[in-house]
Amino acid sequence: VGQGPLLAELDLQLTSRCNLDCGFCSVDANAPGARGRLPMARLERILDEACGLGLRELQLTGGEPTLSPYLEGVIRHARALGIRTRLITNGTRLDRGRLEELWEAGLRSIAVSVDGLASTHDTMRRRPLAWQRAMATVLHAVDVGFTTRISAVAFRSNLHELSQLAVLAAQREVEVFSIALG
């Protein structure tokens, strides 16, 4: 057994709420009886304990983590502990001003979920203009200075568009383009 940390990375679901209605969501966001959120004090204790186990990287997920009132507080606490933090978001709620606030809180990495070109993405997300808003977030994030990632989920319905999406990601100076198999 190596001498590395016991816990190198943690995915922390800040909320199960979401502003979209993706049919493929594994979180079951917005389901009746969905779990409530943990209080900020408990989130801080989780990070403190995880840091004691060697935590180096934190991924903030949801639902949609930008719906959590604790987003900036968690980012600040993680930053104070020396933990690198990535926000995983659908990108529809982040304008440049909000991204600058998250940067000031200590966030340096963002992953925006984009699952195809405009029509396909909006159909999969069940929300008009979701693609336009997500791609605007990508452009603003790159401009602000975030390490920016586009993450796509591959399905039969969008496979034919993923290579075009990869080209768009490169044209927009996205550092990482990743695909998960759905």
C-alpha atoms as a PDB file:
ATOM      1  CA  VAL A   1       0.000   0.000   0.000  1.00  0.00           C
ATOM      2  CA  GLY A   2       1.383   3.407  -1.005  1.00  0.00           C
ATOM      3  CA  GLN A   3       1.893   6.390   1.254  1.00  0.00           C
ATOM      4  CA  GLY A   4      -0.593   8.631  -0.569  1.00  0.00           C
ATOM      5  CA  PRO A   5      -3.587  10.301   1.068  1.00  0.00           C
ATOM      6  CA  LEU A   6      -6.440   8.143   2.304  1.00  0.00           C
ATOM      7  CA  LEU A   7      -8.893  10.449   0.551  1.00  0.00           C
ATOM      8  CA  ALA A   8      -7.508  12.355  -2.427  1.00  0.00           C
ATOM      9  CA  GLU A   9     -10.797  13.519  -3.954  1.00  0.00           C
ATOM     10  CA  LEU A  10     -14.332  14.129  -2.705  1.00  0.00           C
ATOM     11  CA  ASP A  11     -17.527  14.767  -4.664  1.00  0.00           C
ATOM     12  CA  LEU A  12     -19.833  16.829  -2.456  1.00  0.00           C
ATOM     13  CA  GLN A  13     -23.485  17.151  -3.467  1.00  0.00           C
ATOM     14  CA  LEU A  14     -24.527  20.567  -2.166  1.00  0.00           C
ATOM     15  CA  THR A  15     -28.184  20.177  -3.136  1.00  0.00           C
ATOM     16  CA  SER A  16     -30.476  17.796  -4.941  1.00  0.00           C
ATOM     17  CA  ARG A  17     -32.426  20.726  -6.408  1.00  0.00           C
ATOM     18  CA  CYS A  18     -31.967  21.679 -10.049  1.00  0.00           C
ATOM     19  CA  ASN A  19     -33.316  24.285 -12.425  1.00  0.00           C
ATOM     20  CA  LEU A  20     -33.362  21.802 -15.336  1.00  0.00           C
ATOM     21  CA  ASP A  21     -35.237  18.543 -15.913  1.00  0.00           C
ATOM     22  CA  CYS A  22     -32.781  16.218 -17.619  1.00  0.00           C
ATOM     23  CA  GLY A  23     -34.348  12.829 -18.278  1.00  0.00           C
ATOM     24  CA  PHE A  24     -31.037  11.028 -17.784  1.00  0.00           C
ATOM     25  CA  CYS A  25     -30.105  12.612 -14.446  1.00  0.00           C
ATOM     26  CA  SER A  26     -28.782  10.066 -11.962  1.00  0.00           C
ATOM     27  CA  VAL A  27     -29.358  12.455  -9.044  1.00  0.00           C
ATOM     28  CA  ASP A  28     -33.146  12.344  -9.465  1.00  0.00           C
ATOM     29  CA  ALA A  29     -33.122  16.084  -8.960  1.00  0.00           C
ATOM     30  CA  ASN A  30     -36.331  17.735  -7.827  1.00  0.00           C
ATOM     31  CA  ALA A  31     -37.953  14.384  -6.964  1.00  0.00           C
ATOM     32  CA  PRO A  32     -40.713  14.532  -4.344  1.00  0.00           C
ATOM     33  CA  GLY A  33     -39.177  13.835  -0.947  1.00  0.00           C
ATOM     34  CA  ALA A  34     -35.669  14.747  -2.138  1.00  0.00           C
ATOM     35  CA  ARG A  35     -33.156  15.108   0.642  1.00  0.00           C
ATOM     36  CA  GLY A  36     -32.713  18.495   2.235  1.00  0.00           C
ATOM     37  CA  ARG A  37     -29.384  20.255   2.334  1.00  0.00           C
ATOM     38  CA  LEU A  38     -26.803  19.894   5.050  1.00  0.00           C
ATOM     39  CA  PRO A  39     -26.218  22.982   7.220  1.00  0.00           C
ATOM     40  CA  MET A  40     -23.064  24.991   6.577  1.00  0.00           C
ATOM     41  CA  ALA A  41     -21.511  23.980   9.906  1.00  0.00           C
ATOM     42  CA  ARG A  42     -21.825  20.302   8.934  1.00  0.00           C
ATOM     43  CA  LEU A  43     -20.338  20.962   5.487  1.00  0.00           C
ATOM     44  CA  GLU A  44     -17.357  22.664   7.158  1.00  0.00           C
ATOM     45  CA  ARG A  45     -16.880  19.682   9.500  1.00  0.00           C
ATOM     46  CA  ILE A  46     -16.980  17.291   6.543  1.00  0.00           C
ATOM     47  CA  LEU A  47     -14.249  19.301   4.811  1.00  0.00           C
ATOM     48  CA  ASP A  48     -12.177  19.532   7.999  1.00  0.00           C
ATOM     49  CA  GLU A  49     -12.383  15.761   8.503  1.00  0.00           C
ATOM     50  CA  ALA A  50     -11.653  15.045   4.841  1.00  0.00           C
ATOM     51  CA  CYS A  51      -8.671  17.399   4.951  1.00  0.00           C
ATOM     52  CA  GLY A  52      -7.350  15.382   7.879  1.00  0.00           C
ATOM     53  CA  LEU A  53      -7.479  12.322   5.609  1.00  0.00           C
ATOM     54  CA  GLY A  54      -5.397  14.099   2.967  1.00  0.00           C
ATOM     55  CA  LEU A  55      -8.127  15.566   0.757  1.00  0.00           C
ATOM     56  CA  ARG A  56      -6.598  17.485  -2.145  1.00  0.00           C
ATOM     57  CA  GLU A  57      -9.482  18.006  -4.550  1.00  0.00           C
ATOM     58  CA  LEU A  58     -13.161  18.770  -3.990  1.00  0.00           C
ATOM     59  CA  GLN A  59     -15.832  18.606  -6.674  1.00  0.00           C
ATOM     60  CA  LEU A  60     -19.047  20.480  -5.898  1.00  0.00           C
ATOM     61  CA  THR A  61     -22.052  18.824  -7.492  1.00  0.00           C
ATOM     62  CA  GLY A  62     -25.804  18.702  -7.260  1.00  0.00           C
ATOM     63  CA  GLY A  63     -28.584  18.818  -8.584  1.00  0.00           C
ATOM     64  CA  GLU A  64     -27.313  22.217  -9.549  1.00  0.00           C
ATOM     65  CA  PRO A  65     -24.786  23.449  -6.955  1.00  0.00           C
ATOM     66  CA  THR A  66     -25.328  27.111  -7.814  1.00  0.00           C
ATOM     67  CA  LEU A  67     -28.759  26.749  -6.158  1.00  0.00           C
ATOM     68  CA  SER A  68     -27.079  26.171  -2.792  1.00  0.00           C
ATOM     69  CA  PRO A  69     -26.912  29.185  -0.478  1.00  0.00           C
ATOM     70  CA  TYR A  70     -23.662  27.716   0.879  1.00  0.00           C
ATOM     71  CA  LEU A  71     -21.714  27.585  -2.398  1.00  0.00           C
ATOM     72  CA  GLU A  72     -19.369  30.509  -1.698  1.00  0.00           C
ATOM     73  CA  GLY A  73     -18.944  29.510   1.948  1.00  0.00           C
ATOM     74  CA  VAL A  74     -17.905  25.980   1.020  1.00  0.00           C
ATOM     75  CA  ILE A  75     -15.485  27.330  -1.596  1.00  0.00           C
ATOM     76  CA  ARG A  76     -13.944  29.750   0.917  1.00  0.00           C
ATOM     77  CA  HIS A  77     -13.583  27.050   3.566  1.00  0.00           C
ATOM     78  CA  ALA A  78     -12.002  24.619   1.109  1.00  0.00           C
ATOM     79  CA  ARG A  79      -9.617  27.320  -0.094  1.00  0.00           C
ATOM     80  CA  ALA A  80      -8.588  28.108   3.503  1.00  0.00           C
ATOM     81  CA  LEU A  81      -7.788  24.407   3.961  1.00  0.00           C
ATOM     82  CA  GLY A  82      -5.694  24.343   0.771  1.00  0.00           C
ATOM     83  CA  ILE A  83      -8.160  22.125  -1.098  1.00  0.00           C
ATOM     84  CA  ARG A  84      -8.484  22.617  -4.877  1.00  0.00           C
ATOM     85  CA  THR A  85     -12.152  22.970  -5.764  1.00  0.00           C
ATOM     86  CA  ARG A  86     -14.050  22.391  -9.013  1.00  0.00           C
ATOM     87  CA  LEU A  87     -17.657  23.394  -9.592  1.00  0.00           C
ATOM     88  CA  ILE A  88     -19.667  20.979 -11.750  1.00  0.00           C
ATOM     89  CA  THR A  89     -22.600  22.922 -13.161  1.00  0.00           C
ATOM     90  CA  ASN A  90     -25.138  23.022 -15.957  1.00  0.00           C
ATOM     91  CA  GLY A  91     -23.930  26.580 -16.542  1.00  0.00           C
ATOM     92  CA  THR A  92     -27.342  28.167 -16.947  1.00  0.00           C
ATOM     93  CA  ARG A  93     -27.212  30.320 -13.802  1.00  0.00           C
ATOM     94  CA  LEU A  94     -23.738  31.838 -14.096  1.00  0.00           C
ATOM     95  CA  ASP A  95     -23.111  35.183 -15.714  1.00  0.00           C
ATOM     96  CA  ARG A  96     -19.744  36.924 -15.699  1.00  0.00           C
ATOM     97  CA  GLY A  97     -20.482  38.790 -12.461  1.00  0.00           C
ATOM     98  CA  ARG A  98     -21.387  35.598 -10.606  1.00  0.00           C
ATOM     99  CA  LEU A  99     -18.269  33.882 -11.951  1.00  0.00           C
ATOM    100  CA  GLU A 100     -16.142  36.768 -10.679  1.00  0.00           C
ATOM    101  CA  GLU A 101     -17.749  36.360  -7.231  1.00  0.00           C
ATOM    102  CA  LEU A 102     -16.871  32.659  -7.247  1.00  0.00           C
ATOM    103  CA  TRP A 103     -13.311  33.521  -8.306  1.00  0.00           C
ATOM    104  CA  GLU A 104     -13.048  35.942  -5.373  1.00  0.00           C
ATOM    105  CA  ALA A 105     -14.278  33.173  -3.052  1.00  0.00           C
ATOM    106  CA  GLY A 106     -11.370  31.012  -4.246  1.00  0.00           C
ATOM    107  CA  LEU A 107     -12.799  28.838  -7.022  1.00  0.00           C
ATOM    108  CA  ARG A 108     -10.352  28.208  -9.868  1.00  0.00           C
ATOM    109  CA  SER A 109     -11.878  25.316 -11.815  1.00  0.00           C
ATOM    110  CA  ILE A 110     -15.270  24.837 -13.435  1.00  0.00           C
ATOM    111  CA  ALA A 111     -16.839  22.009 -15.425  1.00  0.00           C
ATOM    112  CA  VAL A 112     -19.877  22.863 -17.528  1.00  0.00           C
ATOM    113  CA  SER A 113     -22.132  20.053 -18.712  1.00  0.00           C
ATOM    114  CA  VAL A 114     -22.867  20.367 -22.428  1.00  0.00           C
ATOM    115  CA  ASP A 115     -24.358  17.359 -24.184  1.00  0.00           C
ATOM    116  CA  GLY A 116     -24.363  18.279 -27.856  1.00  0.00           C
ATOM    117  CA  LEU A 117     -25.100  21.200 -30.092  1.00  0.00           C
ATOM    118  CA  ALA A 118     -27.890  23.656 -29.277  1.00  0.00           C
ATOM    119  CA  SER A 119     -31.021  21.775 -30.318  1.00  0.00           C
ATOM    120  CA  THR A 120     -29.872  18.393 -29.009  1.00  0.00           C
ATOM    121  CA  HIS A 121     -28.626  19.832 -25.728  1.00  0.00           C
ATOM    122  CA  ASP A 122     -31.822  21.805 -25.121  1.00  0.00           C
ATOM    123  CA  THR A 123     -33.926  18.716 -25.883  1.00  0.00           C
ATOM    124  CA  MET A 124     -31.873  16.548 -23.499  1.00  0.00           C
ATOM    125  CA  ARG A 125     -32.029  19.235 -20.799  1.00  0.00           C
ATOM    126  CA  ARG A 126     -35.723  19.893 -21.462  1.00  0.00           C
ATOM    127  CA  ARG A 127     -35.125  23.628 -21.390  1.00  0.00           C
ATOM    128  CA  PRO A 128     -34.934  26.139 -24.258  1.00  0.00           C
ATOM    129  CA  LEU A 129     -31.775  28.246 -24.380  1.00  0.00           C
ATOM    130  CA  ALA A 130     -29.921  25.954 -21.943  1.00  0.00           C
ATOM    131  CA  TRP A 131     -27.135  25.458 -24.519  1.00  0.00           C
ATOM    132  CA  GLN A 132     -26.806  29.179 -25.173  1.00  0.00           C
ATOM    133  CA  ARG A 133     -26.528  29.917 -21.437  1.00  0.00           C
ATOM    134  CA  ALA A 134     -24.084  27.062 -20.815  1.00  0.00           C
ATOM    135  CA  MET A 135     -21.820  28.136 -23.657  1.00  0.00           C
ATOM    136  CA  ALA A 136     -21.928  31.763 -22.465  1.00  0.00           C
ATOM    137  CA  THR A 137     -20.767  30.485 -19.071  1.00  0.00           C
ATOM    138  CA  VAL A 138     -17.913  28.624 -20.769  1.00  0.00           C
ATOM    139  CA  LEU A 139     -16.767  31.778 -22.572  1.00  0.00           C
ATOM    140  CA  HIS A 140     -16.983  33.906 -19.420  1.00  0.00           C
ATOM    141  CA  ALA A 141     -15.183  31.269 -17.341  1.00  0.00           C
ATOM    142  CA  VAL A 142     -12.278  31.119 -19.797  1.00  0.00           C
ATOM    143  CA  ASP A 143     -12.150  34.918 -19.877  1.00  0.00           C
ATOM    144  CA  VAL A 144     -12.128  35.223 -16.063  1.00  0.00           C
ATOM    145  CA  GLY A 145      -9.245  32.734 -15.881  1.00  0.00           C
ATOM    146  CA  PHE A 146     -10.846  29.510 -14.661  1.00  0.00           C
ATOM    147  CA  THR A 147      -9.483  26.138 -15.632  1.00  0.00           C
ATOM    148  CA  THR A 148     -12.499  25.331 -17.767  1.00  0.00           C
ATOM    149  CA  ARG A 149     -13.853  21.931 -18.763  1.00  0.00           C
ATOM    150  CA  ILE A 150     -16.777  20.898 -20.929  1.00  0.00           C
ATOM    151  CA  SER A 151     -18.203  17.556 -19.872  1.00  0.00           C
ATOM    152  CA  ALA A 152     -20.572  15.690 -22.160  1.00  0.00           C
ATOM    153  CA  VAL A 153     -22.566  12.532 -21.615  1.00  0.00           C
ATOM    154  CA  ALA A 154     -22.664  10.323 -24.717  1.00  0.00           C
ATOM    155  CA  PHE A 155     -25.963   8.792 -25.785  1.00  0.00           C
ATOM    156  CA  ARG A 156     -27.138   7.446 -29.133  1.00  0.00           C
ATOM    157  CA  SER A 157     -29.066  10.676 -29.614  1.00  0.00           C
ATOM    158  CA  ASN A 158     -25.971  12.916 -29.433  1.00  0.00           C
ATOM    159  CA  LEU A 159     -23.035  10.754 -30.601  1.00  0.00           C
ATOM    160  CA  HIS A 160     -23.063  12.350 -34.050  1.00  0.00           C
ATOM    161  CA  GLU A 161     -22.453  15.805 -32.492  1.00  0.00           C
ATOM    162  CA  LEU A 162     -19.695  15.105 -29.977  1.00  0.00           C
ATOM    163  CA  SER A 163     -16.814  15.612 -32.408  1.00  0.00           C
ATOM    164  CA  GLN A 164     -18.284  18.992 -33.396  1.00  0.00           C
ATOM    165  CA  LEU A 165     -18.650  19.841 -29.711  1.00  0.00           C
ATOM    166  CA  ALA A 166     -14.986  18.944 -29.142  1.00  0.00           C
ATOM    167  CA  VAL A 167     -14.002  21.342 -31.947  1.00  0.00           C
ATOM    168  CA  LEU A 168     -16.159  24.102 -30.384  1.00  0.00           C
ATOM    169  CA  ALA A 169     -14.507  23.474 -27.019  1.00  0.00           C
ATOM    170  CA  ALA A 170     -11.047  23.862 -28.561  1.00  0.00           C
ATOM    171  CA  GLN A 171     -12.101  27.026 -30.428  1.00  0.00           C
ATOM    172  CA  ARG A 172     -13.283  28.505 -27.121  1.00  0.00           C
ATOM    173  CA  GLU A 173      -9.950  27.671 -25.444  1.00  0.00           C
ATOM    174  CA  VAL A 174     -11.484  25.128 -23.069  1.00  0.00           C
ATOM    175  CA  GLU A 175      -8.667  23.236 -21.339  1.00  0.00           C
ATOM    176  CA  VAL A 176     -10.441  19.876 -20.995  1.00  0.00           C
ATOM    177  CA  PHE A 177     -13.183  18.217 -23.048  1.00  0.00           C
ATOM    178  CA  SER A 178     -14.436  14.990 -21.508  1.00  0.00           C
ATOM    179  CA  ILE A 179     -17.083  12.438 -22.393  1.00  0.00           C
ATOM    180  CA  ALA A 180     -18.900  10.068 -20.051  1.00  0.00           C
ATOM    181  CA  LEU A 181     -20.741   7.113 -21.509  1.00  0.00           C
ATOM    182  CA  GLY A 182     -24.458   7.318 -20.679  1.00  0.00           C
END
